[in-house]
Structures are given as structure tokens and as C-alpha cells.
C-alpha atoms as a PDB file:
ATOM      1  CA  PHE A   1     -73.429  45.703 -32.231  1.00  0.00           C
ATOM      2  CA  PRO A   2     -76.407  47.364 -30.463  1.00  0.00           C
ATOM      3  CA  TYR A   3     -77.400  44.099 -28.808  1.00  0.00           C
ATOM      4  CA  ALA A   4     -73.877  43.453 -27.493  1.00  0.00           C
ATOM      5  CA  LEU A   5     -73.714  47.020 -26.178  1.00  0.00           C
ATOM      6  CA  SER A   6     -77.071  46.679 -24.454  1.00  0.00           C
ATOM      7  CA  ALA A   7     -76.035  43.420 -22.773  1.00  0.00           C
ATOM      8  CA  LEU A   8     -72.729  44.902 -21.600  1.00  0.00           C
ATOM      9  CA  LEU A   9     -74.323  48.024 -20.125  1.00  0.00           C
ATOM     10  CA  ARG A  10     -77.358  46.311 -18.575  1.00  0.00           C
ATOM     11  CA  PRO A  11     -75.883  46.105 -15.031  1.00  0.00           C
ATOM     12  CA  TYR A  12     -75.301  49.879 -15.010  1.00  0.00           C
ATOM     13  CA  GLN A  13     -78.587  51.073 -16.496  1.00  0.00           C
ATOM     14  CA  ASP A  14     -80.710  51.630 -13.410  1.00  0.00           C
ATOM     15  CA  THR A  15     -78.679  54.122 -11.412  1.00  0.00           C
ATOM     16  CA  PRO A  16     -76.610  57.054 -12.636  1.00  0.00           C
ATOM     17  CA  PHE A  17     -73.256  57.395 -10.883  1.00  0.00           C
ATOM     18  CA  PRO A  18     -70.476  59.986 -11.130  1.00  0.00           C
ATOM     19  CA  GLY A  19     -68.534  59.558 -14.364  1.00  0.00           C
ATOM     20  CA  TRP A  20     -70.928  57.083 -15.958  1.00  0.00           C
ATOM     21  CA  GLN A  21     -70.804  58.942 -19.294  1.00  0.00           C
ATOM     22  CA  GLU A  22     -67.044  58.303 -19.640  1.00  0.00           C
ATOM     23  CA  ILE A  23     -67.440  54.618 -18.809  1.00  0.00           C
ATOM     24  CA  TYR A  24     -70.294  54.290 -21.280  1.00  0.00           C
ATOM     25  CA  LEU A  25     -68.255  55.929 -24.030  1.00  0.00           C
ATOM     26  CA  GLN A  26     -65.284  53.626 -23.355  1.00  0.00           C
ATOM     27  CA  GLU A  27     -67.535  50.558 -23.407  1.00  0.00           C
ATOM     28  CA  PHE A  28     -69.270  51.859 -26.518  1.00  0.00           C
ATOM     29  CA  ASN A  29     -65.934  52.222 -28.355  1.00  0.00           C
ATOM     30  CA  HIS A  30     -64.846  48.767 -27.202  1.00  0.00           C
ATOM     31  CA  VAL A  31     -68.044  47.092 -28.422  1.00  0.00           C
ATOM     32  CA  LEU A  32     -68.014  49.012 -31.700  1.00  0.00           C
ATOM     33  CA  THR A  33     -64.421  47.902 -32.309  1.00  0.00           C
ATOM     34  CA  GLN A  34     -65.242  44.272 -31.508  1.00  0.00           C
ATOM     35  CA  GLN A  35     -68.770  43.894 -32.871  1.00  0.00           C
ATOM     36  CA  GLY A  36     -68.897  46.580 -35.527  1.00  0.00           C
ATOM     37  CA  GLN A  37     -66.036  45.361 -37.683  1.00  0.00           C
ATOM     38  CA  ASN A  38     -68.441  44.356 -40.456  1.00  0.00           C
ATOM     39  CA  LEU A  39     -70.337  47.630 -40.369  1.00  0.00           C
ATOM     40  CA  PRO A  40     -69.560  50.043 -43.193  1.00  0.00           C
ATOM     41  CA  ARG A  41     -67.391  52.956 -42.089  1.00  0.00           C
ATOM     42  CA  PRO A  42     -70.198  55.528 -42.513  1.00  0.00           C
ATOM     43  CA  GLU A  43     -72.386  53.388 -40.235  1.00  0.00           C
ATOM     44  CA  GLN A  44     -69.633  53.256 -37.587  1.00  0.00           C
ATOM     45  CA  GLN A  45     -69.216  57.016 -37.813  1.00  0.00           C
ATOM     46  CA  LYS A  46     -72.975  57.505 -37.456  1.00  0.00           C
ATOM     47  CA  PHE A  47     -73.012  55.400 -34.276  1.00  0.00           C
ATOM     48  CA  ARG A  48     -70.015  57.279 -32.846  1.00  0.00           C
ATOM     49  CA  PHE A  49     -71.678  60.605 -33.612  1.00  0.00           C
ATOM     50  CA  LEU A  50     -74.914  59.480 -31.912  1.00  0.00           C
ATOM     51  CA  ALA A  51     -73.015  58.295 -28.828  1.00  0.00           C
ATOM     52  CA  GLU A  52     -70.989  61.460 -28.416  1.00  0.00           C
ATOM     53  CA  CYS A  53     -73.974  63.763 -28.989  1.00  0.00           C
ATOM     54  CA  TRP A  54     -76.195  61.837 -26.614  1.00  0.00           C
ATOM     55  CA  LEU A  55     -73.611  61.784 -23.825  1.00  0.00           C
ATOM     56  CA  GLN A  56     -72.926  65.517 -24.222  1.00  0.00           C
ATOM     57  CA  GLN A  57     -76.608  66.220 -23.570  1.00  0.00           C
ATOM     58  CA  SER A  58     -75.977  65.237 -19.899  1.00  0.00           C
ATOM     59  CA  CYS A  59     -78.926  62.933 -19.866  1.00  0.00           C
ATOM     60  CA  ASP A  60     -79.829  61.609 -16.428  1.00  0.00           C
ATOM     61  CA  THR A  61     -80.879  58.153 -17.565  1.00  0.00           C
ATOM     62  CA  PRO A  62     -78.037  55.759 -18.378  1.00  0.00           C
ATOM     63  CA  GLY A  63     -80.495  53.073 -19.520  1.00  0.00           C
ATOM     64  CA  ALA A  64     -81.627  55.227 -22.428  1.00  0.00           C
ATOM     65  CA  PHE A  65     -78.126  55.159 -23.942  1.00  0.00           C
ATOM     66  CA  SER A  66     -78.271  51.572 -25.211  1.00  0.00           C
ATOM     67  CA  LYS A  67     -81.940  51.999 -26.165  1.00  0.00           C
ATOM     68  CA  LEU A  68     -80.852  54.720 -28.569  1.00  0.00           C
ATOM     69  CA  PHE A  69     -78.812  52.185 -30.549  1.00  0.00           C
ATOM     70  CA  LEU A  70     -81.411  49.429 -30.292  1.00  0.00           C
ATOM     71  CA  THR A  71     -83.938  51.845 -31.760  1.00  0.00           C
ATOM     72  CA  GLN A  72     -81.555  52.809 -34.554  1.00  0.00           C
ATOM     73  CA  ALA A  73     -80.966  49.115 -35.354  1.00  0.00           C
ATOM     74  CA  PHE A  74     -84.723  48.568 -35.471  1.00  0.00           C
ATOM     75  CA  ILE A  75     -85.185  51.484 -37.855  1.00  0.00           C
ATOM     76  CA  ASP A  76     -82.316  50.335 -40.087  1.00  0.00           C
ATOM     77  CA  ARG A  77     -83.352  46.683 -40.216  1.00  0.00           C
ATOM     78  CA  GLU A  78     -84.123  45.095 -43.537  1.00  0.00           C
ATOM     79  CA  ARG A  79     -87.806  44.582 -43.973  1.00  0.00           C
ATOM     80  CA  GLY A  80     -89.203  41.352 -45.314  1.00  0.00           C
ATOM     81  CA  GLU A  81     -91.494  43.218 -47.657  1.00  0.00           C
ATOM     82  CA  ASP A  82     -91.536  42.347 -51.368  1.00  0.00           C
END
């Protein structure tokens, strides 16, 4: 899911434009519906919460939006440690 979202939003990441938060949230919901079907419901809710909170902060950097989810995926990854 985070990788699909990052790829989809890549063309828009460099320059903020009026209304970009709404477009990002729509794309986020689309990708989560398509790519997040196998995610447990609490995980989907966590991602939705992160997206809505981040976009409400009126951040000026659209590129940071997808990085938020890539970072979360990195933190949540299964480690190969025994």
C-alpha cells in the first residue's frame, strides 16, 4: 500500500498547489481500497487516521505525505532476526 501510494503521488510531490490536500486524500482512499484489502481493519484505520491528521496540519510539503506511510511501513516491517 505505501509503495503504490508513493508511486501514484510522485508527479505531484514537488510543488504544492491549491487543493492538493483534497486530491491527496482522495488518492489515498483509492489506493487504500485497492492495495490495502489484505491489511487488517485496525491497520487500515491507523493509516486513515495518519492521513487525515497529517493533512489537517496544513503542511506545505506534499512530498512528505507519502514518506509518512513509507516510514510507517519501514517501522512495521517484519525483521529477519531470530
